[in-house]
Amino acid sequence: MPDTEILRVALNEVVDGLTDIGWKHMFGCGVVFRNGTIFGLIWKDGRIGLKFVDATEFESRMATDGSDRWCPSGWMTKHWILVSKAVASDAQTLKEWAESSHSSII
């Protein structure tokens, strides 16, 4: 199974049971929605991306070792973080990050 598929399964497991979830394939990657708004994705380079709208939370999570701002095609996004490999590989931590991202989407 390619890394991106492993990550998709991991993200799917931690968002399972959250409200109003849907998956699509966009931008060449798998994306997860809440009420039609994207809050998570599996980026092509083998990283999970999550959206954090609150500036304080965004900065706090960006301070986590290995977290990077998502910059597709060199375009710097405002609210998106590519989570560290440590976060992505720890189901409980990934679940907390994904739930927080999900809850910020109205």
Foldseek 3Di string as FASTA:
>chain_A
DDLLVVLVVLLCVLCPPPPQWDWDQPPNWIFIDRPPHTAWTQDPVNFIKGFDPDPVVQVVQCPPPQKDADQVVNNGDDGMIGHHPVQSVDSVSVSVRRVNRNVVPD
